[in-house]
N, C-alpha and C. Protein backbone atom coordinates (compact mmCIF):
# COMPACT_ATOMS: atom_id res chain seq x y z
N MET A 1 159.26 129.41 35.31
CA MET A 1 158.23 129.74 36.28
C MET A 1 158.62 128.75 37.55
N THR A 2 158.54 129.32 38.60
CA THR A 2 158.71 128.51 39.80
C THR A 2 157.37 127.66 39.97
N TYR A 3 157.45 126.59 40.65
CA TYR A 3 156.50 125.67 40.85
C TYR A 3 155.27 126.41 41.80
N ASP A 4 155.65 127.28 42.69
CA ASP A 4 154.64 127.99 43.45
C ASP A 4 153.94 128.95 42.52
N ASN A 5 154.58 129.70 41.73
CA ASN A 5 153.85 130.46 40.69
C ASN A 5 153.02 129.80 39.77
N PHE A 6 153.41 128.59 39.32
CA PHE A 6 152.74 127.66 38.63
C PHE A 6 151.51 127.22 39.26
N LEU A 7 151.36 126.92 40.68
CA LEU A 7 150.32 126.64 41.38
C LEU A 7 149.37 127.81 41.46
N ALA A 8 149.97 128.99 41.66
CA ALA A 8 149.11 130.20 41.61
C ALA A 8 148.29 130.49 40.31
N GLU A 9 148.89 130.11 39.24
CA GLU A 9 148.30 130.24 37.86
C GLU A 9 147.17 129.20 37.75
N LEU A 10 147.44 127.92 38.36
CA LEU A 10 146.33 126.99 38.26
C LEU A 10 145.23 127.46 39.20
N ASN A 11 145.54 128.00 40.26
CA ASN A 11 144.38 128.44 41.11
C ASN A 11 143.79 129.60 40.55
N SER A 12 144.23 130.43 39.84
CA SER A 12 143.54 131.55 39.04
C SER A 12 142.67 131.04 37.90
N ALA A 13 143.09 129.88 37.41
CA ALA A 13 142.32 129.10 36.44
C ALA A 13 141.31 128.33 37.00
N GLY A 14 141.23 128.16 38.37
CA GLY A 14 140.32 127.27 39.11
C GLY A 14 140.54 125.59 38.73
N LEU A 15 142.00 125.54 38.58
CA LEU A 15 142.35 124.08 38.41
C LEU A 15 143.18 123.39 39.51
N SER A 16 142.98 122.21 39.72
CA SER A 16 143.86 121.43 40.63
C SER A 16 145.09 120.87 39.80
N VAL A 17 146.06 120.45 40.30
CA VAL A 17 147.03 119.80 39.53
C VAL A 17 146.47 118.56 38.73
N LYS A 18 145.69 117.82 39.40
CA LYS A 18 145.03 116.58 38.79
C LYS A 18 144.23 117.05 37.59
N ARG A 19 143.26 118.04 37.75
CA ARG A 19 142.66 118.51 36.53
C ARG A 19 143.48 119.05 35.51
N PHE A 20 144.51 119.80 35.82
CA PHE A 20 145.55 120.31 34.81
C PHE A 20 146.20 119.18 34.05
N ALA A 21 146.55 118.22 34.79
CA ALA A 21 147.23 117.06 34.34
C ALA A 21 146.24 116.39 33.25
N ASP A 22 145.06 116.14 33.69
CA ASP A 22 144.06 115.52 32.84
C ASP A 22 143.91 116.35 31.51
N LEU A 23 143.84 117.58 31.65
CA LEU A 23 143.62 118.44 30.45
C LEU A 23 144.68 118.33 29.44
N VAL A 24 145.96 118.25 29.96
CA VAL A 24 146.97 118.29 28.82
C VAL A 24 147.62 116.86 28.77
N GLY A 25 146.91 115.83 29.28
CA GLY A 25 147.33 114.47 28.86
C GLY A 25 148.48 114.00 29.67
N MET A 26 148.66 114.36 30.84
CA MET A 26 149.78 113.98 31.69
C MET A 26 149.41 113.18 32.95
N GLN A 27 150.21 112.38 33.66
CA GLN A 27 149.89 111.81 34.78
C GLN A 27 150.08 112.97 35.90
N PRO A 28 149.09 112.82 36.82
CA PRO A 28 149.33 114.07 37.91
C PRO A 28 150.66 113.93 38.55
N ASN A 29 151.22 112.81 38.91
CA ASN A 29 152.36 112.67 39.53
C ASN A 29 153.57 113.39 38.67
N SER A 30 153.50 113.15 37.39
CA SER A 30 154.55 113.77 36.55
C SER A 30 154.57 115.29 36.74
N VAL A 31 153.39 115.93 36.84
CA VAL A 31 153.20 117.37 37.14
C VAL A 31 153.84 117.69 38.49
N SER A 32 153.33 116.90 39.49
CA SER A 32 153.70 117.41 40.85
C SER A 32 155.07 117.05 41.31
N ASN A 33 155.71 116.24 40.43
CA ASN A 33 157.24 116.04 40.60
C ASN A 33 157.98 117.19 40.34
N TYR A 34 157.55 118.12 39.55
CA TYR A 34 158.05 119.42 39.30
C TYR A 34 158.49 120.16 40.62
N LYS A 35 157.71 119.91 41.62
CA LYS A 35 157.85 120.64 42.90
C LYS A 35 159.25 120.34 43.56
N LYS A 36 159.73 119.21 43.23
CA LYS A 36 161.17 118.82 43.76
C LYS A 36 162.15 119.64 43.03
N ARG A 37 162.01 120.01 41.76
CA ARG A 37 162.82 120.86 41.02
C ARG A 37 162.74 122.28 41.29
N GLY A 38 161.55 122.63 41.82
CA GLY A 38 161.23 123.89 41.98
C GLY A 38 160.85 124.99 40.86
N GLU A 39 161.06 124.36 39.63
CA GLU A 39 160.55 125.02 38.42
C GLU A 39 159.71 124.18 37.49
N VAL A 40 158.96 124.70 36.64
CA VAL A 40 158.02 123.91 35.80
C VAL A 40 158.65 124.14 34.37
N PRO A 41 158.54 123.19 33.44
CA PRO A 41 158.92 123.63 32.04
C PRO A 41 158.10 124.66 31.52
N VAL A 42 158.80 125.36 30.61
CA VAL A 42 158.14 126.55 30.03
C VAL A 42 156.85 126.35 29.37
N HIS A 43 156.77 125.17 28.68
CA HIS A 43 155.47 124.87 27.98
C HIS A 43 154.25 124.71 28.92
N LEU A 44 154.65 124.05 30.07
CA LEU A 44 153.51 123.86 31.03
C LEU A 44 153.07 125.14 31.66
N ALA A 45 154.19 125.95 31.85
CA ALA A 45 153.90 127.33 32.54
C ALA A 45 153.11 128.10 31.63
N LEU A 46 153.55 128.10 30.29
CA LEU A 46 152.72 128.95 29.37
C LEU A 46 151.15 128.45 29.25
N ILE A 47 151.04 127.14 29.47
CA ILE A 47 149.71 126.63 29.22
C ILE A 47 148.92 127.06 30.48
N ALA A 48 149.39 126.88 31.66
CA ALA A 48 148.90 127.34 32.96
C ALA A 48 148.45 128.78 32.80
N SER A 49 149.50 129.67 32.41
CA SER A 49 149.27 131.17 32.34
C SER A 49 148.04 131.49 31.42
N LEU A 50 148.15 130.87 30.22
CA LEU A 50 147.09 131.17 29.33
C LEU A 50 145.71 130.68 29.85
N LEU A 51 145.59 129.53 30.35
CA LEU A 51 144.43 129.07 31.14
C LEU A 51 143.94 130.11 32.04
N ALA A 52 144.80 130.57 32.96
CA ALA A 52 144.42 131.44 34.09
C ALA A 52 143.92 132.79 33.42
N GLU A 53 144.66 133.28 32.40
CA GLU A 53 144.15 134.46 31.63
C GLU A 53 142.71 134.23 30.93
N MET A 54 142.61 133.19 30.38
CA MET A 54 141.34 132.88 29.84
C MET A 54 140.21 132.92 30.83
N SER A 55 140.51 132.13 31.89
CA SER A 55 139.49 132.18 33.18
C SER A 55 139.31 133.54 33.66
N THR A 56 140.35 134.34 33.71
CA THR A 56 140.09 135.69 34.28
C THR A 56 139.12 136.54 33.35
N HIS A 57 139.14 136.27 32.11
CA HIS A 57 138.35 136.98 31.08
C HIS A 57 137.07 136.24 30.76
N ARG A 58 136.90 135.14 31.54
CA ARG A 58 135.66 134.27 31.33
C ARG A 58 135.49 133.73 30.10
N ILE A 59 136.75 133.25 29.66
CA ILE A 59 136.70 132.43 28.28
C ILE A 59 136.83 131.13 28.55
N ASP A 60 135.89 130.27 28.06
CA ASP A 60 135.86 128.80 28.42
C ASP A 60 136.96 128.15 27.53
N TYR A 61 137.84 127.63 28.22
CA TYR A 61 138.97 127.07 27.54
C TYR A 61 138.64 125.44 27.26
N GLU A 62 137.66 124.84 27.79
CA GLU A 62 137.36 123.56 27.47
C GLU A 62 137.21 123.17 26.08
N PRO A 63 136.40 123.90 25.24
CA PRO A 63 136.39 123.64 23.88
C PRO A 63 137.71 123.65 23.14
N VAL A 64 138.53 124.54 23.58
CA VAL A 64 139.88 124.65 22.84
C VAL A 64 140.62 123.31 23.03
N ILE A 65 140.73 122.93 24.35
CA ILE A 65 141.23 121.77 24.80
C ILE A 65 140.72 120.67 24.07
N ALA A 66 139.46 120.56 23.92
CA ALA A 66 138.77 119.44 23.28
C ALA A 66 139.12 119.32 21.82
N ARG A 67 139.32 120.55 21.13
CA ARG A 67 139.85 120.51 19.68
C ARG A 67 141.20 119.75 19.61
N VAL A 68 141.99 120.00 20.53
CA VAL A 68 143.33 119.29 20.52
C VAL A 68 143.37 117.77 20.81
N GLN A 69 142.44 117.41 21.75
CA GLN A 69 142.19 116.11 22.25
C GLN A 69 143.47 115.58 22.61
N PRO A 70 144.03 116.05 23.78
CA PRO A 70 145.52 115.29 24.15
C PRO A 70 145.16 113.89 24.67
N VAL A 71 146.03 113.01 24.48
CA VAL A 71 145.84 111.62 24.80
C VAL A 71 146.82 111.45 26.08
N LYS A 72 146.16 110.92 26.92
CA LYS A 72 146.76 110.65 28.35
C LYS A 72 148.02 109.60 28.12
N LYS A 73 149.15 109.98 28.72
CA LYS A 73 150.25 109.07 28.50
C LYS A 73 150.15 107.93 29.49
N ARG A 74 150.62 106.87 29.27
CA ARG A 74 150.55 105.64 30.22
C ARG A 74 151.81 106.07 31.33
N PRO A 75 151.62 105.75 32.49
CA PRO A 75 152.75 105.68 33.38
C PRO A 75 154.04 105.06 32.91
N ARG A 76 155.22 105.50 33.23
CA ARG A 76 156.45 104.73 33.00
C ARG A 76 156.36 103.38 33.94
N GLY A 77 157.19 102.42 33.32
CA GLY A 77 157.06 101.15 34.07
C GLY A 77 155.92 100.32 33.94
N ALA A 78 155.11 100.67 32.81
CA ALA A 78 153.85 99.89 32.66
C ALA A 78 153.99 98.68 31.84
N ALA A 79 155.21 98.22 31.84
CA ALA A 79 155.63 97.01 31.03
C ALA A 79 154.90 95.81 31.47
N GLY A 80 154.52 94.90 30.58
CA GLY A 80 154.10 93.64 31.00
C GLY A 80 155.36 92.72 31.12
N GLY A 81 155.06 91.45 31.79
CA GLY A 81 156.08 90.62 31.95
C GLY A 81 156.78 90.12 30.65
N GLY A 82 158.05 90.16 30.43
CA GLY A 82 158.54 89.71 29.36
C GLY A 82 158.63 90.75 28.22
N ARG A 83 158.17 91.90 28.38
CA ARG A 83 158.12 92.91 27.35
C ARG A 83 158.79 94.24 27.90
N PHE A 84 159.45 94.73 26.83
CA PHE A 84 160.13 96.14 27.07
C PHE A 84 159.27 97.21 27.04
N ALA A 85 159.10 97.91 28.11
CA ALA A 85 158.44 99.11 28.35
C ALA A 85 156.90 99.07 27.75
N GLY A 86 156.32 97.77 27.86
CA GLY A 86 154.95 97.73 27.46
C GLY A 86 154.79 97.63 25.83
N ASP A 87 156.00 97.49 25.20
CA ASP A 87 155.97 97.36 23.78
C ASP A 87 155.04 96.27 23.35
N LYS A 88 154.29 96.53 22.26
CA LYS A 88 153.26 95.41 21.91
C LYS A 88 153.79 94.38 20.83
N GLN A 89 155.14 94.50 20.87
CA GLN A 89 155.87 93.48 19.92
C GLN A 89 155.68 92.12 20.70
N THR A 90 156.23 91.05 20.05
CA THR A 90 156.16 89.77 20.64
C THR A 90 156.95 89.74 21.99
N SER A 91 156.71 88.77 22.78
CA SER A 91 157.34 88.52 23.98
C SER A 91 158.81 88.29 23.78
N LEU A 92 159.61 88.85 24.74
CA LEU A 92 161.05 88.79 24.63
C LEU A 92 161.61 87.30 25.19
N GLY A 93 160.58 86.59 25.82
CA GLY A 93 161.05 85.39 26.45
C GLY A 93 161.64 85.39 27.70
N PHE A 94 161.69 86.58 28.45
CA PHE A 94 162.05 86.64 29.76
C PHE A 94 161.00 86.17 30.77
N HIS A 95 161.34 85.39 31.64
CA HIS A 95 160.23 84.81 32.52
C HIS A 95 160.79 85.27 33.90
N GLN A 96 160.23 85.66 34.93
CA GLN A 96 160.49 85.87 36.27
C GLN A 96 160.06 84.82 37.24
């Protein structure tokens, strides 16, 4: 699905990119970065299309999303000083 078609599906569902990202546990920038590629991965396109269809038929998708309870991913590069990618293991001993 093209990014423009993806946005049209979100619009049909009454969602912004930020709200969609929140619903599926992604960072909004991760979703909007697909604009550069011009296409959206099939799993995100499918979710957007299903949400749009549910909205068209006045089916509340919020309880369905709540059953899954997607956990928001941390942004990349969220590592602390001396730690690899934010790993909770002990410090690697690197100092800046």
